[in-house]
C-alpha atoms as a PDB file:
ATOM      1  CA  UNK A   1      57.909 -15.635  -8.498  1.00  0.00           C
ATOM      2  CA  UNK A   2      58.225 -12.102  -6.396  1.00  0.00           C
ATOM      3  CA  UNK A   3      60.148 -10.412  -9.423  1.00  0.00           C
ATOM      4  CA  UNK A   4      57.119 -11.415 -11.263  1.00  0.00           C
ATOM      5  CA  UNK A   5      54.411 -10.040  -9.339  1.00  0.00           C
ATOM      6  CA  UNK A   6      55.878  -6.666  -9.022  1.00  0.00           C
ATOM      7  CA  UNK A   7      56.574  -6.670 -13.106  1.00  0.00           C
ATOM      8  CA  UNK A   8      53.012  -7.297 -13.086  1.00  0.00           C
ATOM      9  CA  UNK A   9      52.323  -4.724 -10.471  1.00  0.00           C
ATOM     10  CA  UNK A  10      53.908  -1.872 -12.405  1.00  0.00           C
ATOM     11  CA  UNK A  11      52.360  -2.774 -15.624  1.00  0.00           C
ATOM     12  CA  UNK A  12      49.354  -2.739 -13.695  1.00  0.00           C
ATOM     13  CA  UNK A  13      49.524   0.525 -12.021  1.00  0.00           C
ATOM     14  CA  UNK A  14      50.800   2.140 -15.303  1.00  0.00           C
ATOM     15  CA  UNK A  15      48.054   0.610 -17.479  1.00  0.00           C
ATOM     16  CA  UNK A  16      45.523   1.865 -14.380  1.00  0.00           C
ATOM     17  CA  UNK A  17      46.812   5.400 -14.117  1.00  0.00           C
ATOM     18  CA  UNK A  18      43.226   6.717 -15.380  1.00  0.00           C
ATOM     19  CA  UNK A  19      41.797   5.776 -12.211  1.00  0.00           C
ATOM     20  CA  UNK A  20      43.867   7.345  -9.848  1.00  0.00           C
ATOM     21  CA  UNK A  21      47.210   6.657  -7.755  1.00  0.00           C
ATOM     22  CA  UNK A  22      47.027   2.796  -7.172  1.00  0.00           C
ATOM     23  CA  UNK A  23      49.166   1.678  -4.081  1.00  0.00           C
ATOM     24  CA  UNK A  24      49.805  -2.578  -3.345  1.00  0.00           C
ATOM     25  CA  UNK A  25      50.128  -3.674  -0.194  1.00  0.00           C
ATOM     26  CA  UNK A  26      51.274  -7.758   0.145  1.00  0.00           C
ATOM     27  CA  UNK A  27      48.592  -9.838   1.543  1.00  0.00           C
ATOM     28  CA  UNK A  28      48.050 -14.092   1.476  1.00  0.00           C
ATOM     29  CA  UNK A  29      51.221 -14.565  -0.383  1.00  0.00           C
ATOM     30  CA  UNK A  30      50.124 -12.090  -3.073  1.00  0.00           C
ATOM     31  CA  UNK A  31      49.089  -8.355  -3.494  1.00  0.00           C
ATOM     32  CA  UNK A  32      46.442  -6.100  -3.226  1.00  0.00           C
ATOM     33  CA  UNK A  33      45.953  -2.847  -5.523  1.00  0.00           C
ATOM     34  CA  UNK A  34      43.576  -0.039  -4.299  1.00  0.00           C
ATOM     35  CA  UNK A  35      42.848   3.176  -5.182  1.00  0.00           C
ATOM     36  CA  UNK A  36      41.873   5.433  -2.028  1.00  0.00           C
ATOM     37  CA  UNK A  37      42.346   2.464   0.346  1.00  0.00           C
ATOM     38  CA  UNK A  38      39.458   0.680  -1.730  1.00  0.00           C
ATOM     39  CA  UNK A  39      40.965  -2.602  -2.896  1.00  0.00           C
ATOM     40  CA  UNK A  40      39.471  -3.602  -6.290  1.00  0.00           C
ATOM     41  CA  UNK A  41      42.631  -6.080  -7.794  1.00  0.00           C
ATOM     42  CA  UNK A  42      44.741  -8.397  -6.710  1.00  0.00           C
ATOM     43  CA  UNK A  43      48.225  -9.685  -8.345  1.00  0.00           C
ATOM     44  CA  UNK A  44      48.764 -13.522  -7.271  1.00  0.00           C
ATOM     45  CA  UNK A  45      51.836 -15.543  -9.040  1.00  0.00           C
ATOM     46  CA  UNK A  46      52.481 -12.969 -11.552  1.00  0.00           C
ATOM     47  CA  UNK A  47      48.466 -12.578 -12.655  1.00  0.00           C
ATOM     48  CA  UNK A  48      46.314  -9.807 -12.532  1.00  0.00           C
ATOM     49  CA  UNK A  49      42.598 -10.190 -11.107  1.00  0.00           C
ATOM     50  CA  UNK A  50      40.175  -7.476 -11.177  1.00  0.00           C
ATOM     51  CA  UNK A  51      37.231  -7.659  -8.713  1.00  0.00           C
ATOM     52  CA  UNK A  52      33.933  -9.109 -10.569  1.00  0.00           C
ATOM     53  CA  UNK A  53      30.549  -7.196 -10.337  1.00  0.00           C
ATOM     54  CA  UNK A  54      27.347  -7.542 -11.714  1.00  0.00           C
ATOM     55  CA  UNK A  55      28.569  -5.064 -14.508  1.00  0.00           C
ATOM     56  CA  UNK A  56      31.350  -7.609 -15.350  1.00  0.00           C
ATOM     57  CA  UNK A  57      29.388 -10.811 -15.097  1.00  0.00           C
ATOM     58  CA  UNK A  58      28.724 -11.006 -18.495  1.00  0.00           C
ATOM     59  CA  UNK A  59      31.959 -10.670 -19.389  1.00  0.00           C
ATOM     60  CA  UNK A  60      33.236 -13.451 -17.350  1.00  0.00           C
ATOM     61  CA  UNK A  61      30.565 -15.663 -18.583  1.00  0.00           C
ATOM     62  CA  UNK A  62      31.090 -15.200 -22.085  1.00  0.00           C
ATOM     63  CA  UNK A  63      34.898 -15.763 -21.470  1.00  0.00           C
ATOM     64  CA  UNK A  64      34.871 -18.548 -19.292  1.00  0.00           C
ATOM     65  CA  UNK A  65      37.253 -16.922 -16.876  1.00  0.00           C
ATOM     66  CA  UNK A  66      39.391 -18.198 -14.333  1.00  0.00           C
ATOM     67  CA  UNK A  67      38.508 -16.818 -10.594  1.00  0.00           C
ATOM     68  CA  UNK A  68      41.314 -16.199  -8.081  1.00  0.00           C
ATOM     69  CA  UNK A  69      41.983 -18.987  -5.076  1.00  0.00           C
ATOM     70  CA  UNK A  70      44.533 -18.663  -2.209  1.00  0.00           C
ATOM     71  CA  UNK A  71      45.243 -20.677   0.746  1.00  0.00           C
ATOM     72  CA  UNK A  72      43.958 -19.087   3.978  1.00  0.00           C
ATOM     73  CA  UNK A  73      44.544 -21.037   7.156  1.00  0.00           C
ATOM     74  CA  UNK A  74      45.504 -24.390   5.113  1.00  0.00           C
ATOM     75  CA  UNK A  75      41.999 -24.554   3.069  1.00  0.00           C
ATOM     76  CA  UNK A  76      41.860 -22.924  -0.868  1.00  0.00           C
ATOM     77  CA  UNK A  77      39.403 -20.112  -0.690  1.00  0.00           C
ATOM     78  CA  UNK A  78      37.972 -18.905  -3.840  1.00  0.00           C
ATOM     79  CA  UNK A  79      37.617 -15.334  -4.242  1.00  0.00           C
ATOM     80  CA  UNK A  80      35.260 -12.894  -6.404  1.00  0.00           C
ATOM     81  CA  UNK A  81      38.221 -11.842  -8.459  1.00  0.00           C
ATOM     82  CA  UNK A  82      38.457 -12.752 -12.184  1.00  0.00           C
ATOM     83  CA  UNK A  83      42.143 -13.212 -14.139  1.00  0.00           C
ATOM     84  CA  UNK A  84      43.040 -10.776 -16.793  1.00  0.00           C
ATOM     85  CA  UNK A  85      44.097 -12.653 -19.760  1.00  0.00           C
ATOM     86  CA  UNK A  86      45.921 -11.898 -22.207  1.00  0.00           C
ATOM     87  CA  UNK A  87      43.277 -10.752 -24.776  1.00  0.00           C
ATOM     88  CA  UNK A  88      41.879  -8.502 -22.056  1.00  0.00           C
ATOM     89  CA  UNK A  89      45.332  -6.932 -21.737  1.00  0.00           C
ATOM     90  CA  UNK A  90      45.841  -6.230 -25.644  1.00  0.00           C
ATOM     91  CA  UNK A  91      42.147  -4.546 -25.042  1.00  0.00           C
ATOM     92  CA  UNK A  92      43.203  -1.588 -23.115  1.00  0.00           C
ATOM     93  CA  UNK A  93      39.754   0.073 -23.556  1.00  0.00           C
ATOM     94  CA  UNK A  94      37.894  -2.998 -22.393  1.00  0.00           C
ATOM     95  CA  UNK A  95      40.504  -3.372 -19.234  1.00  0.00           C
ATOM     96  CA  UNK A  96      40.303   0.085 -18.424  1.00  0.00           C
ATOM     97  CA  UNK A  97      36.349  -0.171 -18.454  1.00  0.00           C
ATOM     98  CA  UNK A  98      36.162  -3.621 -16.246  1.00  0.00           C
ATOM     99  CA  UNK A  99      38.706  -2.317 -13.892  1.00  0.00           C
ATOM    100  CA  UNK A 100      36.141   0.799 -13.419  1.00  0.00           C
ATOM    101  CA  UNK A 101      33.721  -1.537 -12.979  1.00  0.00           C
ATOM    102  CA  UNK A 102      35.895  -3.508 -10.080  1.00  0.00           C
ATOM    103  CA  UNK A 103      36.394  -0.055  -8.437  1.00  0.00           C
ATOM    104  CA  UNK A 104      33.339   1.185  -8.367  1.00  0.00           C
ATOM    105  CA  UNK A 105      31.461  -2.264  -6.897  1.00  0.00           C
ATOM    106  CA  UNK A 106      34.429  -2.374  -4.192  1.00  0.00           C
ATOM    107  CA  UNK A 107      33.578   1.608  -3.746  1.00  0.00           C
ATOM    108  CA  UNK A 108      29.700   0.512  -3.537  1.00  0.00           C
ATOM    109  CA  UNK A 109      30.463  -2.559  -1.229  1.00  0.00           C
ATOM    110  CA  UNK A 110      32.826  -0.341   1.465  1.00  0.00           C
ATOM    111  CA  UNK A 111      30.434   2.435   1.896  1.00  0.00           C
ATOM    112  CA  UNK A 112      27.587  -0.247   2.133  1.00  0.00           C
ATOM    113  CA  UNK A 113      29.787  -1.770   5.006  1.00  0.00           C
ATOM    114  CA  UNK A 114      29.357   1.211   7.079  1.00  0.00           C
ATOM    115  CA  UNK A 115      25.559   1.628   6.413  1.00  0.00           C
ATOM    116  CA  UNK A 116      24.195  -1.614   6.761  1.00  0.00           C
ATOM    117  CA  UNK A 117      22.727  -2.147   9.899  1.00  0.00           C
ATOM    118  CA  UNK A 118      20.453  -5.066   9.227  1.00  0.00           C
ATOM    119  CA  UNK A 119      20.656  -8.150   7.418  1.00  0.00           C
ATOM    120  CA  UNK A 120      17.819  -7.762   4.903  1.00  0.00           C
ATOM    121  CA  UNK A 121      19.707  -4.990   3.747  1.00  0.00           C
ATOM    122  CA  UNK A 122      22.075  -7.076   2.092  1.00  0.00           C
ATOM    123  CA  UNK A 123      21.654  -8.036  -1.525  1.00  0.00           C
ATOM    124  CA  UNK A 124      19.075 -11.195  -1.774  1.00  0.00           C
ATOM    125  CA  UNK A 125      18.141 -11.363   1.754  1.00  0.00           C
ATOM    126  CA  UNK A 126      14.473 -10.968   2.489  1.00  0.00           C
ATOM    127  CA  UNK A 127      13.021  -9.919   5.581  1.00  0.00           C
ATOM    128  CA  UNK A 128      11.664 -13.777   5.934  1.00  0.00           C
ATOM    129  CA  UNK A 129      15.443 -14.748   5.768  1.00  0.00           C
ATOM    130  CA  UNK A 130      16.576 -12.778   7.854  1.00  0.00           C
ATOM    131  CA  UNK A 131      14.252 -13.553  10.796  1.00  0.00           C
ATOM    132  CA  UNK A 132      15.400 -17.013   9.845  1.00  0.00           C
ATOM    133  CA  UNK A 133      18.862 -16.382  10.275  1.00  0.00           C
ATOM    134  CA  UNK A 134      18.100 -14.447  13.623  1.00  0.00           C
ATOM    135  CA  UNK A 135      16.529 -17.350  14.646  1.00  0.00           C
ATOM    136  CA  UNK A 136      19.529 -19.569  14.016  1.00  0.00           C
ATOM    137  CA  UNK A 137      21.653 -17.009  16.133  1.00  0.00           C
ATOM    138  CA  UNK A 138      23.032 -15.323  13.312  1.00  0.00           C
ATOM    139  CA  UNK A 139      22.417 -11.627  13.414  1.00  0.00           C
ATOM    140  CA  UNK A 140      24.963  -9.498  11.704  1.00  0.00           C
ATOM    141  CA  UNK A 141      26.867  -9.527   8.606  1.00  0.00           C
ATOM    142  CA  UNK A 142      30.151 -10.646  10.201  1.00  0.00           C
ATOM    143  CA  UNK A 143      28.503 -13.842  11.647  1.00  0.00           C
ATOM    144  CA  UNK A 144      27.310 -14.315   8.444  1.00  0.00           C
ATOM    145  CA  UNK A 145      30.873 -14.089   6.583  1.00  0.00           C
ATOM    146  CA  UNK A 146      32.571 -15.825   8.946  1.00  0.00           C
ATOM    147  CA  UNK A 147      30.528 -18.541   8.914  1.00  0.00           C
ATOM    148  CA  UNK A 148      30.144 -18.929   5.206  1.00  0.00           C
ATOM    149  CA  UNK A 149      26.913 -19.768   2.985  1.00  0.00           C
ATOM    150  CA  UNK A 150      27.214 -23.463   3.327  1.00  0.00           C
ATOM    151  CA  UNK A 151      26.950 -22.960   7.397  1.00  0.00           C
ATOM    152  CA  UNK A 152      24.363 -20.622   7.946  1.00  0.00           C
ATOM    153  CA  UNK A 153      22.027 -22.683   5.335  1.00  0.00           C
ATOM    154  CA  UNK A 154      22.930 -25.380   7.425  1.00  0.00           C
ATOM    155  CA  UNK A 155      21.534 -23.505  10.495  1.00  0.00           C
ATOM    156  CA  UNK A 156      18.571 -22.176   9.085  1.00  0.00           C
ATOM    157  CA  UNK A 157      17.747 -25.471   7.443  1.00  0.00           C
ATOM    158  CA  UNK A 158      17.240 -26.956  11.016  1.00  0.00           C
ATOM    159  CA  UNK A 159      14.866 -24.428  11.378  1.00  0.00           C
ATOM    160  CA  UNK A 160      13.251 -24.917   7.928  1.00  0.00           C
ATOM    161  CA  UNK A 161      13.681 -28.481   6.376  1.00  0.00           C
ATOM    162  CA  UNK A 162      12.537 -27.027   3.091  1.00  0.00           C
ATOM    163  CA  UNK A 163      15.049 -24.681   2.297  1.00  0.00           C
ATOM    164  CA  UNK A 164      16.297 -24.628  -1.512  1.00  0.00           C
ATOM    165  CA  UNK A 165      19.499 -24.367  -3.388  1.00  0.00           C
ATOM    166  CA  UNK A 166      18.333 -20.809  -4.242  1.00  0.00           C
ATOM    167  CA  UNK A 167      18.473 -19.422  -0.777  1.00  0.00           C
ATOM    168  CA  UNK A 168      22.262 -20.873  -0.821  1.00  0.00           C
ATOM    169  CA  UNK A 169      23.070 -18.906  -3.809  1.00  0.00           C
ATOM    170  CA  UNK A 170      21.404 -15.891  -1.929  1.00  0.00           C
ATOM    171  CA  UNK A 171      23.820 -16.468   1.233  1.00  0.00           C
ATOM    172  CA  UNK A 172      26.719 -16.528  -0.762  1.00  0.00           C
ATOM    173  CA  UNK A 173      25.594 -13.408  -2.531  1.00  0.00           C
ATOM    174  CA  UNK A 174      24.992 -11.720   0.215  1.00  0.00           C
ATOM    175  CA  UNK A 175      28.427 -12.337   1.607  1.00  0.00           C
ATOM    176  CA  UNK A 176      30.311 -11.371  -1.640  1.00  0.00           C
ATOM    177  CA  UNK A 177      27.981  -8.206  -1.953  1.00  0.00           C
ATOM    178  CA  UNK A 178      26.679  -9.916  -5.580  1.00  0.00           C
ATOM    179  CA  UNK A 179      22.992 -10.350  -6.767  1.00  0.00           C
ATOM    180  CA  UNK A 180      22.828 -14.005  -6.763  1.00  0.00           C
ATOM    181  CA  UNK A 181      22.322 -14.381 -10.606  1.00  0.00           C
ATOM    182  CA  UNK A 182      25.783 -12.535 -10.851  1.00  0.00           C
ATOM    183  CA  UNK A 183      27.433 -15.267  -8.795  1.00  0.00           C
ATOM    184  CA  UNK A 184      30.537 -16.829 -10.660  1.00  0.00           C
ATOM    185  CA  UNK A 185      29.486 -20.202 -12.593  1.00  0.00           C
ATOM    186  CA  UNK A 186      32.002 -22.229 -11.078  1.00  0.00           C
ATOM    187  CA  UNK A 187      31.065 -21.205  -7.529  1.00  0.00           C
ATOM    188  CA  UNK A 188      27.437 -22.010  -8.034  1.00  0.00           C
ATOM    189  CA  UNK A 189      28.428 -25.234  -9.260  1.00  0.00           C
ATOM    190  CA  UNK A 190      30.389 -25.872  -6.101  1.00  0.00           C
ATOM    191  CA  UNK A 191      27.576 -24.887  -4.345  1.00  0.00           C
ATOM    192  CA  UNK A 192      25.086 -27.097  -6.069  1.00  0.00           C
ATOM    193  CA  UNK A 193      27.127 -30.095  -5.771  1.00  0.00           C
ATOM    194  CA  UNK A 194      27.497 -29.425  -2.144  1.00  0.00           C
ATOM    195  CA  UNK A 195      23.778 -29.124  -1.849  1.00  0.00           C
ATOM    196  CA  UNK A 196      23.101 -32.263  -3.629  1.00  0.00           C
ATOM    197  CA  UNK A 197      25.354 -34.064  -0.811  1.00  0.00           C
ATOM    198  CA  UNK A 198      22.725 -32.923   1.786  1.00  0.00           C
ATOM    199  CA  UNK A 199      19.736 -34.908   3.143  1.00  0.00           C
ATOM    200  CA  UNK A 200      16.416 -34.703   1.810  1.00  0.00           C
ATOM    201  CA  UNK A 201      17.681 -32.626  -0.932  1.00  0.00           C
ATOM    202  CA  UNK A 202      16.632 -34.898  -3.728  1.00  0.00           C
ATOM    203  CA  UNK A 203      14.064 -32.355  -5.080  1.00  0.00           C
ATOM    204  CA  UNK A 204      16.251 -28.979  -5.768  1.00  0.00           C
ATOM    205  CA  UNK A 205      13.536 -27.400  -7.060  1.00  0.00           C
ATOM    206  CA  UNK A 206      11.784 -27.591  -3.147  1.00  0.00           C
ATOM    207  CA  UNK A 207      10.858 -24.328  -1.465  1.00  0.00           C
ATOM    208  CA  UNK A 208      12.832 -21.379  -0.571  1.00  0.00           C
END
């Protein structure tokens, strides 16, 4: 499998040459691809995955793309990277466009990471949500990411019993750097399924 992955890395760097000098590095059993130290793609089990972005959301929905799942600390983790299928490999112009979107989105996120000082500066997070998060002891982006959307939702739900599933989507979007409407459909379904298992959430359209 390592040989297959290296063959895919070689193919990818060849196709992605217009974006710059693509470097690869081993990570979690796969490989990251980066330009100027900005990771925008991954190779896992011989498949290339591009970072999803708002610009590529329509393509992902239309083509029912598969998203990358890696095992971290013994648990499967769904990542915001979609698989490049054979049709996309054949359409080099579209492939390069989506790759460019992925790189630019990664650059924006990296830039914002250094600029963000308040939670409300993250995607989807309003001043009201920031206050709830602060009251729940979640005062910085690192804590938000470490806990994850579900645990953050539970913590602020203890302060506001009428939190809706939309807040869950908003938290996930803030963590992955996407507007909540651009979240991968499979992740939205997972979050909604989890939400429905929580007590007192029969009315999923309750307040936010």
